[in-house]
Every structure is written in structure tokens, then in C-alpha cells.
Protein backbone atom coordinates (compact mmCIF):
# COMPACT_ATOMS: atom_id res chain seq x y z
CA MET A 1 38.53 206.28 171.66
CA ASN A 2 42.20 206.98 171.96
CA LYS A 3 43.68 210.19 170.74
CA ASP A 4 46.26 207.94 168.85
CA LYS A 5 43.47 206.41 167.01
CA PHE A 6 41.99 209.76 166.11
CA ASP A 7 45.09 210.99 165.02
CA HIS A 8 45.64 207.72 162.76
CA LEU A 9 42.26 208.18 161.29
CA PHE A 10 42.75 211.74 160.19
CA ASP A 11 46.11 210.89 158.99
CA ASP A 12 44.72 208.08 156.74
CA LEU A 13 42.01 210.60 155.30
CA LYS A 14 44.52 213.62 155.15
CA ASP A 15 44.47 213.97 151.31
CA GLN A 16 40.79 213.37 150.96
CA PHE A 17 39.46 216.41 152.35
CA ASP A 18 38.17 219.39 150.18
CA THR A 19 40.11 222.19 151.12
CA GLU A 20 39.34 224.78 148.56
CA THR A 21 37.66 228.07 149.44
CA LEU A 22 34.56 229.14 147.78
CA GLN A 23 34.54 232.07 145.37
CA GLU A 24 33.34 235.51 146.44
CA HIS A 25 29.57 235.91 146.78
CA HIS A 26 28.82 232.06 146.13
CA GLU A 27 26.14 232.08 148.54
CA GLN A 28 24.29 234.91 147.02
CA ARG A 29 24.69 233.21 143.39
CA PHE A 30 23.39 230.08 144.85
CA LEU A 31 20.21 231.90 146.42
CA GLN A 32 19.58 233.63 143.18
CA LYS A 33 19.61 230.48 141.11
CA LEU A 34 17.31 228.80 143.60
CA ASN A 35 14.95 231.91 143.44
CA GLU A 36 15.14 231.81 139.66
CA VAL A 37 14.00 228.15 139.36
CA ASP A 38 11.34 228.68 141.94
CA MET A 39 9.77 231.78 139.99
CA ALA A 40 9.70 229.52 136.78
CA SER A 41 8.20 226.71 138.41
CA ASN A 42 5.60 229.16 139.81
CA GLY A 43 4.74 230.47 136.33
CA VAL A 44 4.18 227.03 134.98
CA ILE A 45 2.12 225.58 137.45
CA ARG A 46 -0.99 227.33 137.99
CA GLN A 47 -3.61 225.76 140.22
CA SER A 48 -6.94 225.65 138.79
CA PRO A 49 -9.75 227.18 140.95
CA PHE A 50 -12.17 224.25 140.14
CA ASN A 51 -10.99 220.59 141.01
CA TRP A 52 -11.88 218.29 138.25
CA LYS A 53 -11.11 215.00 139.72
CA PRO A 54 -14.35 214.39 141.43
CA LEU A 55 -16.47 215.29 138.42
CA LEU A 56 -14.38 213.18 136.24
CA ALA A 57 -14.55 210.03 138.57
CA VAL A 58 -18.30 210.45 138.59
CA ALA A 59 -18.55 210.65 134.82
CA ALA A 60 -16.26 207.57 134.48
CA ALA A 61 -18.60 205.66 136.98
CA ILE A 62 -21.52 206.66 134.89
CA ILE A 63 -19.87 205.46 131.76
CA ILE A 64 -19.00 202.18 133.05
CA CYS A 65 -22.37 201.64 134.48
CA ILE A 66 -24.05 202.17 130.95
CA SER A 67 -21.50 199.98 129.25
CA VAL A 68 -22.23 197.29 131.43
CA PHE A 69 -25.83 197.42 131.44
CA THR A 70 -25.90 197.70 127.40
CA THR A 71 -23.71 194.58 127.22
CA LEU A 72 -25.66 192.27 129.64
CA GLN A 73 -28.95 193.70 127.57
CA TYR A 74 -27.65 192.32 124.33
CA GLN A 75 -26.31 188.90 125.22
CA PRO A 76 -28.68 186.41 123.71
CA GLU A 77 -30.35 183.79 125.98
CA THR A 78 -29.34 180.22 125.28
CA LEU A 79 -32.15 178.29 123.82
CA ASP A 80 -33.40 174.64 124.76
CA LEU A 81 -35.99 172.53 123.56
CA ALA A 82 -38.50 174.09 125.78
CA SER A 83 -38.12 177.55 123.99
CA ILE A 84 -38.75 176.31 120.34
CA SER A 85 -42.42 175.32 120.75
CA PRO A 86 -45.11 173.87 123.37
CA GLU A 87 -44.62 170.39 122.00
CA MET A 88 -40.96 170.42 122.27
CA SER A 89 -41.40 171.79 125.74
CA GLU A 90 -43.42 168.88 126.69
CA THR A 91 -41.00 166.60 124.96
CA GLN A 92 -38.12 168.13 127.11
CA ASP A 93 -40.32 167.84 130.26
CA PHE A 94 -41.00 164.21 129.52
CA PHE A 95 -37.25 163.17 129.00
CA THR A 96 -36.26 165.08 132.12
CA VAL A 97 -38.86 163.28 134.35
CA THR A 98 -37.94 160.03 132.86
CA ILE A 99 -34.30 160.81 133.29
CA GLU A 100 -34.77 161.62 136.91
CA ASN A 101 -36.95 158.61 137.79
CA GLU A 102 -34.31 156.29 136.15
CA LEU A 103 -31.59 158.08 138.23
CA LYS A 104 -33.52 157.58 141.48
CA LYS A 105 -33.92 153.87 140.62
CA LEU A 106 -30.31 153.66 139.84
CA ASN A 107 -29.39 155.02 143.25
CA LYS A 108 -31.71 152.83 144.96
CA GLU A 109 -29.58 149.96 143.75
CA ARG A 110 -26.23 150.90 145.12
CA SER A 111 -24.22 148.14 146.61
CA PRO A 112 -20.56 147.11 146.72
CA LEU A 113 -21.44 144.74 143.71
CA THR A 114 -22.94 147.47 141.49
CA GLU A 115 -20.92 150.42 142.52
CA GLN A 116 -18.48 150.22 139.52
CA ILE A 117 -21.28 149.88 137.20
CA ILE A 118 -23.25 152.75 138.41
CA SER A 119 -20.12 155.04 138.64
CA ASP A 120 -19.29 154.18 134.92
CA ALA A 121 -22.80 154.97 134.00
CA LEU A 122 -23.00 158.31 135.67
CA GLU A 123 -19.64 159.25 134.12
CA GLN A 124 -21.26 158.45 130.81
CA ILE A 125 -24.40 160.60 131.78
CA GLY A 126 -22.20 163.46 132.72
CA ILE A 127 -20.47 163.52 129.42
CA LEU A 128 -23.80 163.47 127.64
CA GLU A 129 -25.06 166.42 129.78
CA THR A 130 -21.85 168.27 128.78
CA ASP A 131 -22.55 167.51 125.12
CA TYR A 132 -26.30 168.70 125.67
CA LYS A 133 -24.78 172.02 126.93
CA LYS A 134 -23.07 172.42 123.77
CA LEU A 135 -26.09 171.51 121.66
CA LYS A 136 -27.98 174.31 123.54
CA SER A 137 -25.33 177.01 122.52
CA ALA A 138 -25.37 175.60 119.14
CA LEU A 139 -29.22 175.88 118.89
CA THR A 140 -28.84 179.53 119.95
CA GLU A 141 -26.33 180.15 117.30
CA SER A 142 -27.90 178.26 114.45
CA GLY A 143 -31.35 179.72 115.11
CA LYS A 144 -33.23 176.73 115.83
CA ASN A 145 -31.57 174.52 113.25
CA GLN A 146 -33.52 171.20 112.83
CA ARG A 147 -30.40 168.97 113.02
CA VAL A 148 -29.53 170.47 116.30
CA ILE A 149 -33.10 169.84 117.72
CA TYR A 150 -32.75 166.25 116.72
CA ALA A 151 -29.35 165.79 118.15
CA MET A 152 -30.66 167.17 121.32
CA ILE A 153 -33.55 164.66 121.33
CA SER A 154 -31.17 162.11 120.49
CA ASN A 155 -28.98 163.06 123.46
CA PHE A 156 -31.85 162.68 125.89
CA GLN A 157 -32.68 159.09 124.42
CA ASN A 158 -29.03 157.95 124.77
CA ARG A 159 -29.02 159.05 128.38
CA ILE A 160 -32.24 156.92 128.93
CA ASP A 161 -30.83 153.94 127.10
CA ILE A 162 -27.77 154.13 129.21
CA LEU A 163 -29.62 154.10 132.28
CA ASN A 164 -31.90 151.34 131.20
CA THR A 165 -29.07 149.17 130.09
CA VAL A 166 -27.39 149.74 133.54
CA LEU A 167 -30.67 148.86 135.38
CA GLU A 168 -30.74 145.55 133.23
CA GLN A 169 -27.12 144.92 133.98
CA ILE A 170 -27.57 145.34 137.83
CA GLU A 171 -30.66 143.12 137.49
CA VAL A 172 -28.39 140.39 135.91
CA VAL A 173 -25.84 140.78 138.62
CA LYS A 174 -28.42 140.28 141.26
CA GLN A 175 -29.86 137.10 139.62
CA ILE A 176 -26.12 135.71 139.35
CA LYS A 177 -25.65 136.59 142.90
CA ILE A 178 -28.99 134.72 144.00
CA ASN A 179 -28.00 131.72 141.90
CA GLU A 180 -24.58 131.66 143.62
CA ASN A 181 -26.17 131.60 146.68
CA GLU A 182 -28.68 128.82 146.11
CA THR A 183 -26.06 126.65 144.84
CA LYS A 184 -23.96 127.15 148.09
CA PHE A 185 -27.13 126.17 150.27
CA THR A 186 -28.24 123.26 148.34
CA ILE A 187 -24.70 121.50 148.14
């Protein structure tokens, strides 16, 4: 930089400099105040010879583990028909096997003609399965209430009825398709 620029800079800042002189023994008073603050902080903060942090961490971990295990232990198991009696277990097994067989038959009948019917039926079955899960929790809460048991059995029957109805509709669609093809070929 140029000497003129420096002069110009200092001329601009001329009234902004602190030009007062410090009082006598200023440095000694400052150091004395620092020492007083340091002494006060040493007196207040004493370091303990034993470190409690690891011990507290272990204790907290043990408490958390115990609370998790006791919470899991007391959660009631959801009941279903099989947990009520051996007869109800057989009933549930019968319905489950029947529904699985009907679903297999339904999947064998998939074609472009039947796709919409099958997808609608599976959607209705899904709704009934969701309702069945709610009924299972209601059974657990009610303590094996007979009305809930009847509703669960009715739910199984409704699923089977839907599957049977859809299979009948598919047979009708197939018959219509066969009849249309026969009339085309005979004319």
C-alpha cells in the first residue's frame, strides 16, 4: 500500500483510538482479582476420589432390563378359537383348511375374464381377516365371551360363503363363454 493510503486511513480513525493511560498498579489489581476467582472456584469444585458415572450407567442398564422383562411377562396372549377348548380347536382347524382349499381352487381359476371377480373376493376376504383379528383381541379382553366366539365362527363361515359364491360365479362366466363360442362356431 501507499504511504498516502496509510496516512489517510489513520486520519479517518484518529478520534476512535483509546488513548487513556491506565491507573497505577492496574496489572497487579487485575491479577489479584483473577487469583481470587481461581481460589473461590477451587474451593467450590472438589473432585471426588470415586467416579460414580460408570456405576450409575450399570445401575440404569439393570433397571431398564428388569422393567422390559416384567413388562413383556405381563402382556396377555391373544386368544383364538383354538385356545378355548379342544372342540373349538378342531372347528378352527376345519375352517382354516377349508378356506385354504377354496383359495387354492380360486387361484386355479384365474384368467383375464375372472380377474376382477377374484380380486374383489380377495379384498372382501382381507376385510374379514382384519375383522377376525379384532375379534381375537375382543375375545382376550372379554374373557371368552360366547357372543365373540359366535362372531368368530360366523366370520369363518362368511369367508367360506364368499369363496363358494365366487367359485359359482366363475363357473357361470365359464359357461357363458362356452355358450358364446358354440354359437359362433355353429352359425
